[in-house]
Amino acid sequence: MHLEPIERLVLVNPPYSSVYHSEKIVKSMIPPLGLLYLHSNVKDYCDVHIIDGELYNSMEDIIADIKRLDPDAVGVTMQTPT
């Protein structure tokens, strides 16, 4: 099996405050540190973009941005409210 190298990577932090309304203030103040750490480790090997869903108005805008960037791979972080 031969894997092609990833040239463009998009890392996504979903808009949790749209699901967990009571956490909007807290979630919107905390940067996606896991994605930032990952970015710092792979930035020398590929073109990396981070999309912080908390800064977008809708899920459609996030999807449009991902499509515009035309990535080879998309990584999505997952969190729980606890």
Protein backbone atom coordinates (compact mmCIF):
# COMPACT_ATOMS: atom_id res chain seq x y z
CA MET A 1 0.00 0.00 0.00
CA HIS A 2 1.42 3.35 -1.07
CA LEU A 3 0.13 6.51 0.61
CA GLU A 4 0.42 9.88 -1.06
CA PRO A 5 1.96 12.64 1.08
CA ILE A 6 -0.40 15.22 2.54
CA GLU A 7 0.36 18.61 1.06
CA ARG A 8 -2.57 20.58 2.51
CA LEU A 9 -4.11 19.82 5.89
CA VAL A 10 -7.12 21.49 7.53
CA LEU A 11 -7.63 21.12 11.28
CA VAL A 12 -11.12 21.94 12.54
CA ASN A 13 -12.34 22.94 15.98
CA PRO A 14 -16.15 22.54 15.77
CA PRO A 15 -18.44 25.28 17.15
CA TYR A 16 -19.28 23.65 20.48
CA SER A 17 -21.13 26.69 21.76
CA SER A 18 -23.83 26.13 19.14
CA VAL A 19 -24.51 22.76 20.80
CA TYR A 20 -23.67 23.59 24.43
CA HIS A 21 -25.22 27.07 24.69
CA SER A 22 -24.38 27.43 28.38
CA GLU A 23 -20.66 27.14 27.60
CA LYS A 24 -20.47 29.82 24.90
CA ILE A 25 -18.45 32.27 26.97
CA VAL A 26 -16.00 29.64 28.25
CA LYS A 27 -15.50 27.78 24.95
CA SER A 28 -15.08 30.94 22.89
CA MET A 29 -12.28 32.15 25.19
CA ILE A 30 -10.22 28.94 25.13
CA PRO A 31 -8.12 28.47 21.98
CA PRO A 32 -7.97 24.97 20.44
CA LEU A 33 -4.61 24.12 22.03
CA GLY A 34 -4.52 20.53 20.76
CA LEU A 35 -4.85 21.73 17.18
CA LEU A 36 -2.28 24.46 17.76
CA TYR A 37 0.21 21.89 19.10
CA LEU A 38 -0.43 19.62 16.12
CA HIS A 39 0.00 22.57 13.76
CA SER A 40 3.39 23.41 15.28
CA ASN A 41 4.57 19.84 14.70
CA VAL A 42 3.49 19.45 11.07
CA LYS A 43 3.85 22.98 9.66
CA ASP A 44 7.31 22.21 8.25
CA TYR A 45 5.95 19.23 6.28
CA CYS A 46 2.70 20.53 4.78
CA ASP A 47 0.48 23.57 4.42
CA VAL A 48 -1.72 23.60 7.56
CA HIS A 49 -4.84 25.67 8.22
CA ILE A 50 -6.81 25.80 11.47
CA ILE A 51 -10.51 26.54 11.37
CA ASP A 52 -11.92 27.58 14.74
CA GLY A 53 -15.66 27.01 14.45
CA GLU A 54 -16.36 29.45 17.27
CA LEU A 55 -15.39 32.28 14.91
CA TYR A 56 -17.91 31.31 12.20
CA ASN A 57 -21.59 32.22 11.90
CA SER A 58 -22.77 28.84 10.66
CA MET A 59 -21.74 25.28 9.89
CA GLU A 60 -22.30 26.06 6.20
CA ASP A 61 -19.61 28.77 6.40
CA ILE A 62 -17.18 26.29 7.94
CA ILE A 63 -17.87 23.72 5.22
CA ALA A 64 -17.49 26.38 2.51
CA ASP A 65 -14.10 27.40 3.94
CA ILE A 66 -12.92 23.78 4.04
CA LYS A 67 -13.98 23.31 0.41
CA ARG A 68 -12.26 26.57 -0.58
CA LEU A 69 -8.99 25.37 0.97
CA ASP A 70 -9.28 22.06 -0.96
CA PRO A 71 -7.32 19.97 1.58
CA ASP A 72 -5.82 16.52 1.12
CA ALA A 73 -6.91 15.68 4.67
CA VAL A 74 -9.17 17.15 7.36
CA GLY A 75 -8.67 16.60 11.09
CA VAL A 76 -11.48 17.36 13.53
CA THR A 77 -10.97 17.67 17.27
CA MET A 78 -13.53 16.16 19.63
CA GLN A 79 -14.39 17.25 23.16
CA THR A 80 -17.00 16.44 25.74
CA PRO A 81 -18.75 18.96 27.96
CA THR A 82 -17.42 17.39 31.15
